[in-house]
């Protein structure tokens, strides 16, 4: 498969250290490739909003088995290839979060997620319907553990 967009690849969509460690095949099925393309367009918009800086993708598509293995809930849209977890390269998580939240990008959810054990990332997602532009923060004790979500804006 060729590159997905100018700055994102099909390899990034399915890549998962957790899947590799657990021997889980996380190959995106053909019927979800259209969703991955929609998510890639969102990520290109985010990258442009942040001045073209690279975005390190930490999680994109997750097959149902992988989604359960990482402790994600049943409402997650990662198994639909509609969510991307990432870290901006060369820009603080907080600055990136505020720039994206204040933009005109039509995301469904934007979440800054943190754990007490030091894991930190941004989550950008599309939905199945009209974009809600939910902006949230999430905090938990450990990576893979329960997270507490607080909505700070919508619309």
C-alpha atoms as a PDB file:
ATOM      1  CA  UNK A   1       0.000   0.000   0.000  1.00  0.00           C
ATOM      2  CA  UNK A   2       1.215   3.476  -0.763  1.00  0.00           C
ATOM      3  CA  UNK A   3       1.242   6.449   1.545  1.00  0.00           C
ATOM      4  CA  UNK A   4      -2.111   7.448   2.936  1.00  0.00           C
ATOM      5  CA  UNK A   5      -1.538  11.223   2.680  1.00  0.00           C
ATOM      6  CA  UNK A   6       1.490  13.493   2.320  1.00  0.00           C
ATOM      7  CA  UNK A   7       2.508  13.071   5.973  1.00  0.00           C
ATOM      8  CA  UNK A   8       0.812   9.864   7.154  1.00  0.00           C
ATOM      9  CA  UNK A   9       1.247   6.272   6.057  1.00  0.00           C
ATOM     10  CA  UNK A  10      -0.797   3.095   6.083  1.00  0.00           C
ATOM     11  CA  UNK A  11       1.883   1.600   8.348  1.00  0.00           C
ATOM     12  CA  UNK A  12       1.068   4.216  11.012  1.00  0.00           C
ATOM     13  CA  UNK A  13      -2.608   3.273  10.898  1.00  0.00           C
ATOM     14  CA  UNK A  14      -1.995  -0.317  12.038  1.00  0.00           C
ATOM     15  CA  UNK A  15       1.303  -0.019  13.937  1.00  0.00           C
ATOM     16  CA  UNK A  16       1.060  -0.918  17.611  1.00  0.00           C
ATOM     17  CA  UNK A  17       3.818  -1.909  20.010  1.00  0.00           C
ATOM     18  CA  UNK A  18       1.187  -3.514  22.252  1.00  0.00           C
ATOM     19  CA  UNK A  19      -0.211  -5.585  19.370  1.00  0.00           C
ATOM     20  CA  UNK A  20       3.301  -6.714  18.431  1.00  0.00           C
ATOM     21  CA  UNK A  21       4.090  -7.631  22.048  1.00  0.00           C
ATOM     22  CA  UNK A  22       0.868  -9.631  22.379  1.00  0.00           C
ATOM     23  CA  UNK A  23       1.026 -11.213  18.913  1.00  0.00           C
ATOM     24  CA  UNK A  24      -2.207  -9.525  17.799  1.00  0.00           C
ATOM     25  CA  UNK A  25      -2.759  -8.989  14.073  1.00  0.00           C
ATOM     26  CA  UNK A  26      -3.830  -5.344  13.913  1.00  0.00           C
ATOM     27  CA  UNK A  27      -4.109  -5.076  10.118  1.00  0.00           C
ATOM     28  CA  UNK A  28      -6.871  -2.688   9.154  1.00  0.00           C
ATOM     29  CA  UNK A  29      -9.649  -4.437   7.236  1.00  0.00           C
ATOM     30  CA  UNK A  30     -10.434  -3.102   3.734  1.00  0.00           C
ATOM     31  CA  UNK A  31     -13.902  -1.910   4.775  1.00  0.00           C
ATOM     32  CA  UNK A  32     -12.365   0.538   7.290  1.00  0.00           C
ATOM     33  CA  UNK A  33      -9.797   2.111   4.957  1.00  0.00           C
ATOM     34  CA  UNK A  34     -12.226   4.899   4.043  1.00  0.00           C
ATOM     35  CA  UNK A  35     -12.449   5.831   7.751  1.00  0.00           C
ATOM     36  CA  UNK A  36      -8.655   5.811   8.040  1.00  0.00           C
ATOM     37  CA  UNK A  37      -8.476   8.200   5.087  1.00  0.00           C
ATOM     38  CA  UNK A  38     -10.995  10.539   6.770  1.00  0.00           C
ATOM     39  CA  UNK A  39      -8.857  10.442   9.926  1.00  0.00           C
ATOM     40  CA  UNK A  40      -5.709  11.121   7.915  1.00  0.00           C
ATOM     41  CA  UNK A  41      -7.325  14.226   6.415  1.00  0.00           C
ATOM     42  CA  UNK A  42      -8.139  15.367   9.970  1.00  0.00           C
ATOM     43  CA  UNK A  43      -4.532  14.761  10.995  1.00  0.00           C
ATOM     44  CA  UNK A  44      -3.271  16.762   8.008  1.00  0.00           C
ATOM     45  CA  UNK A  45      -5.521  19.650   9.102  1.00  0.00           C
ATOM     46  CA  UNK A  46      -4.151  19.411  12.647  1.00  0.00           C
ATOM     47  CA  UNK A  47      -0.580  19.304  11.375  1.00  0.00           C
ATOM     48  CA  UNK A  48      -1.191  22.414   9.253  1.00  0.00           C
ATOM     49  CA  UNK A  49      -2.842  24.224  12.198  1.00  0.00           C
ATOM     50  CA  UNK A  50       0.271  23.514  14.267  1.00  0.00           C
ATOM     51  CA  UNK A  51       2.563  25.061  11.665  1.00  0.00           C
ATOM     52  CA  UNK A  52       3.448  21.873   9.815  1.00  0.00           C
ATOM     53  CA  UNK A  53       5.283  20.202  12.690  1.00  0.00           C
ATOM     54  CA  UNK A  54       5.524  16.405  12.647  1.00  0.00           C
ATOM     55  CA  UNK A  55       2.968  14.440  14.644  1.00  0.00           C
ATOM     56  CA  UNK A  56       4.090  11.178  16.231  1.00  0.00           C
ATOM     57  CA  UNK A  57       1.214   8.704  15.970  1.00  0.00           C
ATOM     58  CA  UNK A  58       1.045   6.430  19.009  1.00  0.00           C
ATOM     59  CA  UNK A  59      -2.259   4.675  18.268  1.00  0.00           C
ATOM     60  CA  UNK A  60      -4.696   4.787  15.350  1.00  0.00           C
ATOM     61  CA  UNK A  61      -6.667   1.740  14.256  1.00  0.00           C
ATOM     62  CA  UNK A  62      -7.157  -0.891  16.960  1.00  0.00           C
ATOM     63  CA  UNK A  63      -8.813  -4.180  16.198  1.00  0.00           C
ATOM     64  CA  UNK A  64     -11.363  -5.120  18.883  1.00  0.00           C
ATOM     65  CA  UNK A  65      -8.921  -7.524  20.568  1.00  0.00           C
ATOM     66  CA  UNK A  66      -6.219  -4.827  20.790  1.00  0.00           C
ATOM     67  CA  UNK A  67      -8.718  -2.214  21.931  1.00  0.00           C
ATOM     68  CA  UNK A  68      -9.683  -4.464  24.853  1.00  0.00           C
ATOM     69  CA  UNK A  69      -6.034  -5.267  25.597  1.00  0.00           C
ATOM     70  CA  UNK A  70      -5.174  -1.575  26.045  1.00  0.00           C
ATOM     71  CA  UNK A  71      -8.121  -1.085  28.394  1.00  0.00           C
ATOM     72  CA  UNK A  72     -10.197   1.073  26.071  1.00  0.00           C
ATOM     73  CA  UNK A  73     -13.958   1.087  26.448  1.00  0.00           C
ATOM     74  CA  UNK A  74     -16.744  -0.003  24.107  1.00  0.00           C
ATOM     75  CA  UNK A  75     -17.445   3.581  22.955  1.00  0.00           C
ATOM     76  CA  UNK A  76     -13.943   3.971  21.532  1.00  0.00           C
ATOM     77  CA  UNK A  77     -13.857   4.777  17.821  1.00  0.00           C
ATOM     78  CA  UNK A  78     -10.302   3.433  17.434  1.00  0.00           C
ATOM     79  CA  UNK A  79     -11.771   0.083  16.209  1.00  0.00           C
ATOM     80  CA  UNK A  80     -13.458   2.070  13.418  1.00  0.00           C
ATOM     81  CA  UNK A  81     -10.174   3.844  12.480  1.00  0.00           C
ATOM     82  CA  UNK A  82     -11.817   7.170  13.418  1.00  0.00           C
ATOM     83  CA  UNK A  83      -9.456   8.153  16.255  1.00  0.00           C
ATOM     84  CA  UNK A  84      -5.755   8.926  16.433  1.00  0.00           C
ATOM     85  CA  UNK A  85      -3.589   9.286  19.520  1.00  0.00           C
ATOM     86  CA  UNK A  86      -0.503  11.388  18.865  1.00  0.00           C
ATOM     87  CA  UNK A  87       2.198  13.665  20.235  1.00  0.00           C
ATOM     88  CA  UNK A  88       3.348  16.883  18.547  1.00  0.00           C
ATOM     89  CA  UNK A  89       7.087  16.994  17.874  1.00  0.00           C
ATOM     90  CA  UNK A  90       8.681  20.250  18.995  1.00  0.00           C
ATOM     91  CA  UNK A  91       5.581  21.742  20.615  1.00  0.00           C
ATOM     92  CA  UNK A  92       4.209  21.183  24.089  1.00  0.00           C
ATOM     93  CA  UNK A  93       1.127  19.033  24.436  1.00  0.00           C
ATOM     94  CA  UNK A  94      -0.687  21.926  26.104  1.00  0.00           C
ATOM     95  CA  UNK A  95       0.153  24.428  23.362  1.00  0.00           C
ATOM     96  CA  UNK A  96      -0.915  21.988  20.659  1.00  0.00           C
ATOM     97  CA  UNK A  97      -4.126  21.188  22.533  1.00  0.00           C
ATOM     98  CA  UNK A  98      -5.087  24.860  22.867  1.00  0.00           C
ATOM     99  CA  UNK A  99      -4.243  25.656  19.231  1.00  0.00           C
ATOM    100  CA  UNK A 100      -6.341  22.765  17.928  1.00  0.00           C
ATOM    101  CA  UNK A 101      -9.208  23.477  20.339  1.00  0.00           C
ATOM    102  CA  UNK A 102      -9.256  27.132  19.237  1.00  0.00           C
ATOM    103  CA  UNK A 103      -9.166  26.295  15.533  1.00  0.00           C
ATOM    104  CA  UNK A 104     -11.989  25.824  13.051  1.00  0.00           C
ATOM    105  CA  UNK A 105     -11.127  22.141  12.515  1.00  0.00           C
ATOM    106  CA  UNK A 106     -14.259  19.993  12.564  1.00  0.00           C
ATOM    107  CA  UNK A 107     -13.229  17.214  14.951  1.00  0.00           C
ATOM    108  CA  UNK A 108     -15.713  15.236  16.998  1.00  0.00           C
ATOM    109  CA  UNK A 109     -13.455  14.979  20.052  1.00  0.00           C
ATOM    110  CA  UNK A 110     -10.162  16.455  21.126  1.00  0.00           C
ATOM    111  CA  UNK A 111      -8.773  15.092  24.377  1.00  0.00           C
ATOM    112  CA  UNK A 112      -5.525  15.705  26.183  1.00  0.00           C
ATOM    113  CA  UNK A 113      -4.829  12.539  28.181  1.00  0.00           C
ATOM    114  CA  UNK A 114      -2.378  12.085  31.046  1.00  0.00           C
ATOM    115  CA  UNK A 115      -1.535   9.412  33.567  1.00  0.00           C
ATOM    116  CA  UNK A 116       0.175   9.735  36.916  1.00  0.00           C
ATOM    117  CA  UNK A 117       2.863   7.351  35.708  1.00  0.00           C
ATOM    118  CA  UNK A 118       3.907   9.913  33.062  1.00  0.00           C
ATOM    119  CA  UNK A 119       2.126   8.904  29.851  1.00  0.00           C
ATOM    120  CA  UNK A 120       0.771  11.898  27.894  1.00  0.00           C
ATOM    121  CA  UNK A 121      -0.842  12.254  24.483  1.00  0.00           C
ATOM    122  CA  UNK A 122      -3.525  13.974  22.431  1.00  0.00           C
ATOM    123  CA  UNK A 123      -6.541  12.129  21.059  1.00  0.00           C
ATOM    124  CA  UNK A 124      -8.362  13.460  17.992  1.00  0.00           C
ATOM    125  CA  UNK A 125     -11.462  11.702  16.744  1.00  0.00           C
ATOM    126  CA  UNK A 126     -14.149  11.893  14.141  1.00  0.00           C
ATOM    127  CA  UNK A 127     -17.667  10.651  14.725  1.00  0.00           C
ATOM    128  CA  UNK A 128     -20.320   8.966  12.702  1.00  0.00           C
ATOM    129  CA  UNK A 129     -22.490  12.100  12.526  1.00  0.00           C
ATOM    130  CA  UNK A 130     -22.101  15.851  12.816  1.00  0.00           C
ATOM    131  CA  UNK A 131     -18.866  16.883  14.584  1.00  0.00           C
ATOM    132  CA  UNK A 132     -19.600  17.805  18.205  1.00  0.00           C
ATOM    133  CA  UNK A 133     -16.251  19.569  18.788  1.00  0.00           C
ATOM    134  CA  UNK A 134     -16.035  18.139  22.291  1.00  0.00           C
ATOM    135  CA  UNK A 135     -12.901  19.319  24.059  1.00  0.00           C
ATOM    136  CA  UNK A 136     -11.905  17.274  27.102  1.00  0.00           C
ATOM    137  CA  UNK A 137      -9.150  16.416  29.489  1.00  0.00           C
ATOM    138  CA  UNK A 138      -8.629  12.901  30.799  1.00  0.00           C
ATOM    139  CA  UNK A 139      -6.563  11.719  33.724  1.00  0.00           C
ATOM    140  CA  UNK A 140      -5.745   8.301  35.098  1.00  0.00           C
ATOM    141  CA  UNK A 141      -3.310   6.542  37.368  1.00  0.00           C
ATOM    142  CA  UNK A 142      -1.575   4.262  34.887  1.00  0.00           C
ATOM    143  CA  UNK A 143      -1.443   3.672  31.162  1.00  0.00           C
ATOM    144  CA  UNK A 144      -4.162   1.166  30.322  1.00  0.00           C
ATOM    145  CA  UNK A 145      -6.075   1.936  33.493  1.00  0.00           C
ATOM    146  CA  UNK A 146      -9.353   3.735  34.007  1.00  0.00           C
ATOM    147  CA  UNK A 147      -9.445   7.373  32.910  1.00  0.00           C
ATOM    148  CA  UNK A 148     -11.645  10.159  34.259  1.00  0.00           C
ATOM    149  CA  UNK A 149     -12.891  12.473  31.509  1.00  0.00           C
ATOM    150  CA  UNK A 150     -13.853  16.097  32.055  1.00  0.00           C
ATOM    151  CA  UNK A 151     -15.561  18.012  29.263  1.00  0.00           C
ATOM    152  CA  UNK A 152     -14.357  21.597  29.040  1.00  0.00           C
ATOM    153  CA  UNK A 153     -16.120  22.706  25.836  1.00  0.00           C
ATOM    154  CA  UNK A 154     -18.537  21.549  23.177  1.00  0.00           C
ATOM    155  CA  UNK A 155     -19.656  23.086  19.932  1.00  0.00           C
END
